[in-house]
N, C-alpha and C. Protein backbone atom coordinates (compact mmCIF):
# COMPACT_ATOMS: atom_id res chain seq x y z
N MET A 1 91.32 68.60 93.55
CA MET A 1 91.12 69.77 93.69
C MET A 1 91.31 70.91 94.86
N ASP A 2 90.82 70.50 95.68
CA ASP A 2 90.30 71.35 97.04
C ASP A 2 90.31 72.51 97.26
N ASN A 3 91.86 72.81 96.43
CA ASN A 3 91.48 74.24 97.63
C ASN A 3 91.85 75.16 95.57
N PHE A 4 90.56 73.90 94.64
CA PHE A 4 90.03 74.92 94.01
C PHE A 4 88.33 75.51 94.24
N THR A 5 88.03 77.09 94.48
CA THR A 5 87.04 77.85 95.35
C THR A 5 86.66 78.43 94.36
N PRO A 6 86.42 78.70 93.02
CA PRO A 6 85.79 79.78 91.99
C PRO A 6 84.51 80.50 92.60
N ILE A 7 83.77 80.13 93.81
CA ILE A 7 82.45 81.66 94.62
C ILE A 7 83.67 81.86 95.62
N ALA A 8 84.67 81.10 96.46
CA ALA A 8 84.71 81.88 97.47
C ALA A 8 85.71 83.05 96.43
N ALA A 9 86.87 82.56 95.47
CA ALA A 9 87.48 83.60 95.50
C ALA A 9 86.77 84.84 94.68
N LEU A 10 85.33 84.44 93.93
CA LEU A 10 85.22 85.56 92.98
C LEU A 10 84.17 86.67 94.52
N VAL A 11 83.69 85.91 95.33
CA VAL A 11 83.18 87.12 96.53
C VAL A 11 84.67 87.21 96.98
N GLY A 12 85.12 87.31 97.44
CA GLY A 12 86.55 87.51 97.73
C GLY A 12 86.69 88.42 96.91
N GLY A 13 87.04 88.90 96.20
CA GLY A 13 87.13 89.49 95.11
C GLY A 13 86.81 91.15 94.94
N THR A 14 85.22 90.86 94.74
CA THR A 14 84.30 91.63 94.48
C THR A 14 83.92 92.36 95.73
N PHE A 15 84.59 91.72 97.32
CA PHE A 15 84.71 92.34 98.28
C PHE A 15 86.20 93.22 98.31
N ILE A 16 87.72 92.94 97.83
CA ILE A 16 88.28 93.49 97.38
C ILE A 16 88.00 94.57 96.64
N GLY A 17 87.64 94.75 95.50
CA GLY A 17 87.52 95.67 94.52
C GLY A 17 86.30 96.78 95.16
N LEU A 18 84.52 96.47 95.96
CA LEU A 18 84.77 97.28 96.64
C LEU A 18 85.34 98.06 97.66
N GLY A 19 85.61 97.56 98.39
CA GLY A 19 86.48 98.26 98.59
C GLY A 19 87.61 99.45 98.67
N ALA A 20 88.07 98.66 97.54
CA ALA A 20 89.75 100.03 96.79
C ALA A 20 88.59 101.21 96.26
N LEU A 21 86.64 100.14 95.92
CA LEU A 21 86.05 101.51 94.98
C LEU A 21 85.51 102.84 95.53
N LEU A 22 84.90 101.99 97.06
CA LEU A 22 84.43 102.84 97.95
C LEU A 22 86.25 103.51 98.91
N LEU A 23 87.53 103.71 98.61
CA LEU A 23 88.37 104.42 99.24
C LEU A 23 88.58 105.08 97.91
N MET A 24 88.57 104.03 97.42
CA MET A 24 88.77 105.59 95.88
C MET A 24 87.70 107.02 95.86
N VAL A 25 86.43 106.30 96.00
CA VAL A 25 85.31 107.46 96.47
C VAL A 25 85.27 107.79 97.44
N ALA A 26 85.94 107.81 98.71
CA ALA A 26 85.13 108.56 99.88
C ALA A 26 86.66 109.56 100.14
N LEU A 27 86.99 108.86 99.23
CA LEU A 27 88.75 109.64 99.88
C LEU A 27 89.13 110.08 98.67
N GLY A 28 88.99 109.84 97.48
CA GLY A 28 89.69 110.20 96.56
C GLY A 28 91.61 108.90 96.38
N ARG A 29 91.87 108.53 97.24
CA ARG A 29 92.77 107.71 97.29
C ARG A 29 92.63 106.26 97.26
N VAL A 30 93.90 105.94 96.12
CA VAL A 30 93.75 103.95 95.64
C VAL A 30 94.90 102.95 96.96
N ALA A 31 94.13 102.24 97.20
CA ALA A 31 94.19 101.24 98.67
C ALA A 31 95.45 100.83 97.96
N GLY A 32 96.17 101.61 98.19
CA GLY A 32 97.30 99.91 97.95
C GLY A 32 98.13 99.91 99.73
N ILE A 33 98.75 98.44 99.49
CA ILE A 33 98.82 98.47 101.35
C ILE A 33 100.07 98.89 101.01
N SER A 34 101.27 99.21 100.34
CA SER A 34 102.13 99.56 101.40
C SER A 34 102.73 101.12 101.20
N GLY A 35 102.23 102.25 100.96
CA GLY A 35 101.49 102.74 100.69
C GLY A 35 100.90 103.75 101.77
N ILE A 36 100.01 103.09 102.21
CA ILE A 36 99.12 102.82 102.92
C ILE A 36 99.66 103.07 104.97
N SER A 37 100.21 101.83 104.33
CA SER A 37 100.82 100.74 106.09
C SER A 37 102.18 102.68 106.09
N SER A 38 102.70 102.32 105.22
CA SER A 38 103.27 103.08 106.04
C SER A 38 103.74 104.66 106.27
N LEU A 39 102.26 105.28 105.53
CA LEU A 39 102.41 106.36 105.09
C LEU A 39 101.63 106.92 107.25
N ALA A 40 101.18 105.60 107.19
CA ALA A 40 99.39 105.62 108.50
C ALA A 40 101.48 105.19 109.31
N ILE A 41 102.17 105.19 109.68
CA ILE A 41 102.58 104.94 110.44
C ILE A 41 104.56 107.10 110.44
N PHE A 42 104.16 106.83 109.62
CA PHE A 42 105.41 107.95 109.18
C PHE A 42 104.59 109.25 108.62
N GLN A 43 103.76 109.11 108.93
CA GLN A 43 102.43 110.99 108.57
C GLN A 43 101.72 111.13 109.27
N ARG A 44 101.95 112.17 109.81
CA ARG A 44 100.68 112.45 110.50
C ARG A 44 99.04 112.72 109.87
N GLU A 45 99.22 113.63 108.69
CA GLU A 45 97.65 113.53 108.36
C GLU A 45 97.74 112.94 107.46
N GLY A 46 95.76 112.08 107.68
CA GLY A 46 95.61 111.12 107.23
C GLY A 46 95.45 110.63 108.06
N ARG A 47 96.38 109.34 109.28
CA ARG A 47 96.81 108.73 110.14
C ARG A 47 95.42 107.99 110.15
N SER A 48 94.41 108.59 110.79
CA SER A 48 93.41 108.51 110.87
C SER A 48 92.25 106.83 110.04
N TRP A 49 93.15 107.53 109.31
CA TRP A 49 91.56 106.77 108.22
C TRP A 49 92.71 105.45 108.05
N ARG A 50 94.00 105.44 107.84
CA ARG A 50 95.49 104.83 107.26
C ARG A 50 95.38 103.34 108.53
N LEU A 51 95.17 103.60 109.68
CA LEU A 51 95.00 103.71 110.82
C LEU A 51 94.26 102.49 110.14
N ALA A 52 92.69 103.02 110.23
CA ALA A 52 91.58 102.46 110.47
C ALA A 52 91.88 100.92 109.87
N PHE A 53 91.97 101.59 108.38
CA PHE A 53 92.26 100.83 106.93
C PHE A 53 93.03 99.15 107.72
N VAL A 54 94.29 99.51 107.43
CA VAL A 54 95.10 98.67 108.12
C VAL A 54 94.47 97.16 109.65
N VAL A 55 93.78 97.75 110.56
CA VAL A 55 93.51 97.59 111.97
C VAL A 55 91.97 96.92 111.21
N GLY A 56 91.15 97.52 109.82
CA GLY A 56 90.24 96.21 109.84
C GLY A 56 91.56 95.02 108.55
N LEU A 57 91.92 95.39 107.64
CA LEU A 57 92.91 94.83 106.86
C LEU A 57 93.16 92.82 108.22
N LEU A 58 93.57 93.84 109.79
CA LEU A 58 94.08 92.20 110.32
C LEU A 58 92.94 91.81 111.24
N VAL A 59 91.70 92.71 111.27
CA VAL A 59 90.79 91.64 112.20
C VAL A 59 89.95 91.41 111.17
N GLY A 60 89.43 91.79 109.99
CA GLY A 60 88.66 91.24 108.96
C GLY A 60 89.08 89.15 109.03
N PRO A 61 89.81 89.04 108.95
CA PRO A 61 90.32 87.60 109.37
C PRO A 61 90.10 87.32 109.70
N LEU A 62 90.16 87.27 110.78
CA LEU A 62 89.37 87.36 112.48
C LEU A 62 88.49 86.89 112.64
N ALA A 63 87.12 87.98 112.17
CA ALA A 63 85.73 87.84 111.84
C ALA A 63 85.67 86.90 111.52
N VAL A 64 85.90 86.49 110.20
CA VAL A 64 85.76 86.12 108.81
C VAL A 64 85.80 84.40 110.40
N SER A 65 86.47 84.12 110.58
CA SER A 65 86.62 83.15 110.89
C SER A 65 85.56 82.29 112.54
N VAL A 66 85.25 83.24 113.17
CA VAL A 66 84.44 83.94 114.32
C VAL A 66 82.91 83.56 113.15
N LEU A 67 82.85 83.85 112.15
CA LEU A 67 81.88 83.84 111.83
C LEU A 67 81.02 82.84 110.50
N ILE A 68 81.94 82.30 109.97
CA ILE A 68 82.43 81.00 109.68
C ILE A 68 82.99 80.06 110.25
N SER A 69 82.78 77.91 110.39
CA SER A 69 82.83 77.67 111.47
C SER A 69 84.62 76.74 110.04
N ASP A 70 84.36 76.71 109.09
CA ASP A 70 85.31 76.32 108.49
C ASP A 70 86.54 77.10 107.71
N PHE A 71 86.28 77.88 108.37
CA PHE A 71 87.87 79.40 107.88
C PHE A 71 88.72 78.81 108.14
N SER A 72 90.06 79.43 108.00
CA SER A 72 90.58 79.00 108.22
C SER A 72 91.42 79.84 107.93
N PHE A 73 92.38 79.78 107.97
CA PHE A 73 93.83 80.68 107.62
C PHE A 73 95.45 80.56 108.37
N SER A 74 96.68 80.54 107.97
CA SER A 74 98.05 80.70 107.95
C SER A 74 98.44 82.05 108.24
N THR A 75 99.59 81.71 109.25
CA THR A 75 100.64 83.07 109.48
C THR A 75 101.51 81.96 109.05
N PRO A 76 102.41 83.49 108.41
CA PRO A 76 103.79 82.34 109.11
C PRO A 76 105.01 82.46 109.23
N GLU A 77 105.25 81.41 109.33
CA GLU A 77 106.14 80.82 110.97
C GLU A 77 107.37 81.79 110.60
N LEU A 78 107.82 82.97 111.41
CA LEU A 78 108.75 84.17 111.69
C LEU A 78 110.44 83.40 111.51
N SER A 79 110.35 83.53 110.47
CA SER A 79 112.55 83.11 110.64
C SER A 79 113.06 84.36 109.50
N LEU A 80 114.68 83.93 110.05
CA LEU A 80 115.60 84.48 109.48
C LEU A 80 114.88 84.77 107.92
N ARG A 81 115.10 83.99 107.23
CA ARG A 81 114.11 83.35 105.55
C ARG A 81 113.39 84.88 105.72
N THR A 82 111.71 84.51 106.86
CA THR A 82 110.99 85.28 106.22
C THR A 82 111.32 86.71 106.65
N VAL A 83 111.68 87.46 107.64
CA VAL A 83 113.08 88.71 107.42
C VAL A 83 113.13 89.31 106.45
N ILE A 84 114.17 88.79 106.15
CA ILE A 84 115.27 88.95 104.45
C ILE A 84 113.85 89.14 103.73
N ALA A 85 112.96 88.65 103.35
CA ALA A 85 112.04 88.46 102.43
C ALA A 85 110.90 88.93 102.33
N GLY A 86 110.74 89.73 104.18
CA GLY A 86 109.94 90.63 103.71
C GLY A 86 110.57 92.82 103.71
N LEU A 87 111.59 92.34 104.18
CA LEU A 87 113.18 93.38 103.76
C LEU A 87 112.75 92.91 102.30
N LEU A 88 112.65 92.57 101.29
CA LEU A 88 113.29 92.61 100.14
C LEU A 88 111.77 93.05 99.61
N VAL A 89 111.18 92.66 100.10
CA VAL A 89 109.16 92.81 99.64
C VAL A 89 109.48 94.70 99.60
N GLY A 90 110.13 94.79 101.03
CA GLY A 90 109.31 96.34 101.40
C GLY A 90 110.38 97.33 100.29
N LEU A 91 111.47 96.92 100.33
CA LEU A 91 112.85 97.27 99.64
C LEU A 91 112.16 97.94 97.94
N GLY A 92 111.12 96.84 97.21
CA GLY A 92 110.89 96.38 96.02
C GLY A 92 109.62 97.19 95.89
N THR A 93 108.74 97.84 97.22
CA THR A 93 107.47 98.51 97.00
C THR A 93 108.22 99.87 97.06
N ALA A 94 109.58 100.17 97.55
CA ALA A 94 110.53 101.65 97.43
C ALA A 94 110.62 101.35 96.22
N TRP A 95 110.95 101.14 95.53
CA TRP A 95 110.93 100.85 93.63
C TRP A 95 110.44 100.96 92.89
N GLY A 96 109.55 100.10 92.97
CA GLY A 96 108.83 99.71 92.51
C GLY A 96 107.66 100.67 92.80
N SER A 97 108.09 101.87 93.68
CA SER A 97 106.27 103.20 93.88
C SER A 97 104.94 102.44 94.08
N GLY A 98 105.07 101.11 94.54
CA GLY A 98 103.94 100.38 95.68
C GLY A 98 104.09 99.11 95.20
N CYS A 99 102.57 98.86 95.69
CA CYS A 99 103.04 97.05 95.49
C CYS A 99 101.92 96.22 94.58
N THR A 100 101.96 95.12 94.56
CA THR A 100 100.82 94.65 93.81
C THR A 100 99.97 94.78 94.05
N SER A 101 98.47 95.37 95.77
CA SER A 101 97.74 95.25 95.21
C SER A 101 97.40 96.83 95.24
N GLY A 102 97.90 97.88 94.89
CA GLY A 102 97.83 99.23 94.59
C GLY A 102 98.63 99.37 93.02
N HIS A 103 99.21 98.41 92.87
CA HIS A 103 99.09 98.47 90.95
C HIS A 103 98.09 97.59 89.81
N GLY A 104 98.53 95.60 90.98
CA GLY A 104 97.43 95.60 90.28
C GLY A 104 95.77 95.12 89.97
N ILE A 105 95.76 96.20 91.22
CA ILE A 105 94.12 95.29 91.91
C ILE A 105 93.60 97.08 91.39
N CYS A 106 93.85 98.26 91.49
CA CYS A 106 93.38 99.40 91.73
C CYS A 106 94.28 100.52 90.26
N GLY A 107 95.70 100.27 90.38
CA GLY A 107 96.28 100.53 88.76
C GLY A 107 95.85 100.44 87.39
N ILE A 108 95.53 98.91 87.04
CA ILE A 108 95.45 98.50 85.98
C ILE A 108 94.03 98.89 86.38
N GLY A 109 92.65 99.10 86.76
CA GLY A 109 91.69 99.22 86.75
C GLY A 109 91.13 100.23 86.41
N ARG A 110 92.36 101.64 86.46
CA ARG A 110 92.36 103.17 85.80
C ARG A 110 93.18 102.75 84.77
N PHE A 111 94.09 101.62 84.21
CA PHE A 111 94.59 101.93 82.49
C PHE A 111 95.65 102.80 83.06
N SER A 112 96.46 102.32 84.03
CA SER A 112 97.70 103.16 84.18
C SER A 112 98.61 102.23 83.65
N ALA A 113 99.60 103.00 82.79
CA ALA A 113 99.80 101.96 82.15
C ALA A 113 101.63 101.61 82.49
N ARG A 114 102.13 102.37 84.24
CA ARG A 114 102.83 102.22 84.82
C ARG A 114 102.55 101.11 85.90
N SER A 115 101.40 101.24 86.29
CA SER A 115 101.13 99.84 86.51
C SER A 115 100.45 98.78 86.12
N ILE A 116 100.21 98.97 84.94
CA ILE A 116 99.69 97.37 83.95
C ILE A 116 101.70 96.37 84.25
N THR A 117 102.73 98.26 83.35
CA THR A 117 103.75 97.29 83.47
C THR A 117 104.00 96.81 84.56
N ALA A 118 103.98 97.23 85.39
CA ALA A 118 104.92 97.18 87.32
C ALA A 118 103.78 95.53 87.52
N THR A 119 102.90 95.30 86.80
CA THR A 119 101.72 93.84 87.49
C THR A 119 102.65 93.28 86.59
N LEU A 120 102.65 92.95 85.29
CA LEU A 120 103.71 92.12 84.34
C LEU A 120 105.09 91.36 85.08
N VAL A 121 105.81 92.65 85.49
CA VAL A 121 107.19 92.69 86.15
C VAL A 121 106.68 91.69 87.16
N PHE A 122 105.84 91.79 88.64
CA PHE A 122 105.97 91.37 89.60
C PHE A 122 105.68 89.85 89.03
N MET A 123 104.20 90.06 87.57
CA MET A 123 103.99 88.36 87.99
C MET A 123 105.17 87.26 86.87
N ALA A 124 106.53 87.98 86.28
CA ALA A 124 107.61 87.53 85.38
C ALA A 124 107.95 87.25 86.41
N ALA A 125 108.83 88.11 87.50
CA ALA A 125 109.45 87.61 88.75
C ALA A 125 108.59 86.69 89.18
N GLY A 126 107.47 86.30 89.68
CA GLY A 126 107.17 85.55 90.72
C GLY A 126 107.22 83.95 90.64
N VAL A 127 106.58 84.28 88.77
CA VAL A 127 106.41 82.56 87.89
C VAL A 127 108.57 81.64 87.99
N PHE A 128 109.14 83.31 87.74
CA PHE A 128 110.85 82.61 87.58
C PHE A 128 111.30 82.03 89.17
N VAL A 129 110.57 83.14 90.16
CA VAL A 129 111.10 82.09 91.45
C VAL A 129 110.49 81.63 92.10
N ALA A 130 109.10 80.96 91.83
CA ALA A 130 108.91 79.58 91.57
C ALA A 130 109.41 78.64 91.45
N SER A 131 109.61 78.83 90.05
CA SER A 131 110.34 78.28 88.94
C SER A 131 111.37 77.36 89.78
N LEU A 132 112.17 78.84 90.48
CA LEU A 132 113.49 77.86 91.58
C LEU A 132 113.37 77.26 92.42
N PHE A 133 112.62 76.87 93.00
CA PHE A 133 111.86 76.49 93.72
C PHE A 133 111.14 75.33 93.72
């Protein structure tokens, strides 16, 4: 079980939680990636912090890979299947009023019934699709 890394998962999860908490305390905003990303593109107000957040998401793994020599990450191969999957995820986040990060991390932490329901649906759909492939 080479992929079983509970300490790394705990550290990573702690940083994600602290980041979400910091954003809520500092700006009163939920750390939902789909909302932050789309509003960074389509809304002028608050664009600077949203762009900084998105840039941090992209630069973070690169910075860690410089600091930790055995750290690696992969990027998906760009194909028609990947593009279609991305469009479907975008459609799902619009229909679901948010993404897994917003509902799963921030919504459940706020005991939002809508987010708990959405997360259960995400998980059930993930299990179903994974079992197909």
